[in-house]
């Protein structure tokens, strides 16, 4: 079991699924696969799922985590913001999966809302702007 600290609260989950949008382009998928492989070296209860256009799907990832003993799963969207997919589509998917699997599945805020992510992106953009100003 591991803890995720998001904003001002801490939640404990057996497993975390990193959720990316998905693409048919293998080059687009690779950074997400590589990130998950690096994270799984120190956090074995982490896996990757794609919302659409690629596998594993969210359903496949939930079933795999459940097969490994997970009873509570956090879904961390690797998205900049909560658009229609995260406001409507993914919650509906999670509700259906919770009902059919019996696993407690929680949707976390998108990665793009995390203060560290915002600060990192801001730092990269400022660095690029300053280096191009010379």
Protein backbone atom coordinates (compact mmCIF):
# COMPACT_ATOMS: atom_id res chain seq x y z
CA UNK A 1 0.00 0.00 0.00
CA UNK A 2 1.28 3.49 -0.74
CA UNK A 3 0.18 7.05 -0.13
CA UNK A 4 -0.44 9.74 -2.67
CA UNK A 5 -0.30 13.31 -1.51
CA UNK A 6 -2.38 15.47 -3.80
CA UNK A 7 -3.04 19.06 -2.80
CA UNK A 8 -3.98 19.27 0.88
CA UNK A 9 -5.07 15.69 1.47
CA UNK A 10 -3.51 12.25 1.58
CA UNK A 11 -5.16 9.12 0.23
CA UNK A 12 -3.98 5.54 0.56
CA UNK A 13 -4.32 3.10 -2.33
CA UNK A 14 -3.11 -0.42 -3.14
CA UNK A 15 -2.37 0.50 -6.74
CA UNK A 16 -2.05 3.58 -8.94
CA UNK A 17 -2.92 3.61 -12.63
CA UNK A 18 -1.34 6.36 -14.70
CA UNK A 19 -3.94 7.29 -17.31
CA UNK A 20 -2.84 8.80 -20.62
CA UNK A 21 -5.12 9.75 -23.49
CA UNK A 22 -3.82 7.23 -25.99
CA UNK A 23 -2.78 7.28 -29.63
CA UNK A 24 -2.27 4.89 -32.53
CA UNK A 25 1.23 6.38 -32.90
CA UNK A 26 3.76 4.19 -31.09
CA UNK A 27 6.19 7.15 -30.81
CA UNK A 28 3.56 9.04 -28.80
CA UNK A 29 3.07 6.06 -26.45
CA UNK A 30 6.74 5.49 -25.67
CA UNK A 31 7.34 8.32 -23.14
CA UNK A 32 4.41 7.06 -21.05
CA UNK A 33 5.63 3.47 -21.21
CA UNK A 34 9.16 4.54 -20.26
CA UNK A 35 7.87 6.66 -17.35
CA UNK A 36 5.83 3.74 -16.01
CA UNK A 37 8.79 1.37 -16.33
CA UNK A 38 11.02 3.79 -14.39
CA UNK A 39 8.40 4.30 -11.68
CA UNK A 40 7.70 0.57 -11.35
CA UNK A 41 11.33 -0.01 -10.35
CA UNK A 42 10.64 1.73 -7.03
CA UNK A 43 6.83 1.51 -6.80
CA UNK A 44 5.65 -1.90 -7.91
CA UNK A 45 1.99 -1.00 -7.55
CA UNK A 46 1.90 1.34 -10.53
CA UNK A 47 0.70 0.63 -14.04
CA UNK A 48 -0.27 2.45 -17.21
CA UNK A 49 -3.57 2.65 -19.06
CA UNK A 50 -4.81 4.54 -22.08
CA UNK A 51 -8.24 6.09 -22.29
CA UNK A 52 -8.59 5.22 -25.96
CA UNK A 53 -6.73 4.24 -29.13
CA UNK A 54 -4.12 2.08 -27.33
CA UNK A 55 -3.74 -0.73 -24.84
CA UNK A 56 -3.85 -1.49 -22.04
CA UNK A 57 -7.22 0.14 -21.60
CA UNK A 58 -8.38 1.40 -18.23
CA UNK A 59 -10.54 -1.70 -17.88
CA UNK A 60 -7.60 -4.01 -18.65
CA UNK A 61 -5.39 -2.17 -16.14
CA UNK A 62 -8.04 -2.32 -13.40
CA UNK A 63 -8.59 -6.05 -13.95
CA UNK A 64 -4.83 -6.70 -13.93
CA UNK A 65 -4.41 -4.72 -10.70
CA UNK A 66 -7.34 -6.57 -9.16
CA UNK A 67 -5.77 -9.91 -10.19
CA UNK A 68 -2.65 -8.77 -8.32
CA UNK A 69 -4.71 -8.16 -5.18
CA UNK A 70 -5.59 -4.47 -5.41
CA UNK A 71 -8.75 -3.47 -3.57
CA UNK A 72 -8.33 0.30 -3.91
CA UNK A 73 -7.01 1.98 -7.04
CA UNK A 74 -6.10 5.60 -7.73
CA UNK A 75 -6.31 6.76 -11.34
CA UNK A 76 -3.87 9.61 -11.95
CA UNK A 77 -4.58 11.34 -15.27
CA UNK A 78 -1.44 12.40 -17.12
CA UNK A 79 -3.35 15.36 -18.56
CA UNK A 80 -2.68 19.09 -18.35
CA UNK A 81 -6.27 19.93 -17.41
CA UNK A 82 -9.70 18.42 -16.81
CA UNK A 83 -11.51 18.70 -20.11
CA UNK A 84 -14.58 16.74 -21.23
CA UNK A 85 -12.77 13.41 -21.00
CA UNK A 86 -11.88 13.90 -17.33
CA UNK A 87 -15.15 15.59 -16.38
CA UNK A 88 -17.47 13.11 -18.11
CA UNK A 89 -15.95 10.16 -19.97
CA UNK A 90 -13.43 8.87 -17.43
CA UNK A 91 -15.77 9.23 -14.41
CA UNK A 92 -18.38 7.19 -16.32
CA UNK A 93 -15.77 4.54 -17.12
CA UNK A 94 -14.69 4.42 -13.48
CA UNK A 95 -18.27 4.17 -12.21
CA UNK A 96 -18.92 1.20 -14.50
CA UNK A 97 -15.62 -0.47 -13.55
CA UNK A 98 -16.26 0.05 -9.84
CA UNK A 99 -19.67 -1.55 -10.19
CA UNK A 100 -18.47 -4.58 -12.17
CA UNK A 101 -15.15 -5.16 -10.40
CA UNK A 102 -16.06 -4.35 -6.81
CA UNK A 103 -12.78 -2.45 -6.48
CA UNK A 104 -12.72 1.06 -4.98
CA UNK A 105 -11.45 3.24 -7.85
CA UNK A 106 -10.83 6.96 -7.36
CA UNK A 107 -10.08 9.54 -10.01
CA UNK A 108 -7.41 11.99 -8.90
CA UNK A 109 -7.01 15.53 -10.24
CA UNK A 110 -5.01 15.71 -13.48
CA UNK A 111 -1.24 15.98 -13.19
CA UNK A 112 -1.41 19.44 -14.76
CA UNK A 113 -3.14 20.81 -11.65
CA UNK A 114 -0.36 19.75 -9.29
CA UNK A 115 1.69 22.74 -8.04
CA UNK A 116 5.01 20.99 -8.80
CA UNK A 117 3.94 20.35 -12.39
CA UNK A 118 2.83 23.96 -12.85
CA UNK A 119 6.10 25.27 -11.39
CA UNK A 120 8.17 22.92 -13.56
CA UNK A 121 6.39 23.90 -16.78
CA UNK A 122 6.66 27.58 -15.85
CA UNK A 123 10.40 27.17 -15.19
CA UNK A 124 10.97 25.42 -18.53
CA UNK A 125 9.04 28.07 -20.47
CA UNK A 126 10.83 30.93 -18.68
CA UNK A 127 14.19 29.27 -19.34
CA UNK A 128 13.38 28.95 -23.04
CA UNK A 129 12.10 32.53 -23.25
CA UNK A 130 15.23 33.88 -21.53
CA UNK A 131 17.60 31.82 -23.67
CA UNK A 132 15.87 33.04 -26.84
CA UNK A 133 16.01 36.65 -25.69
CA UNK A 134 19.79 36.78 -26.14
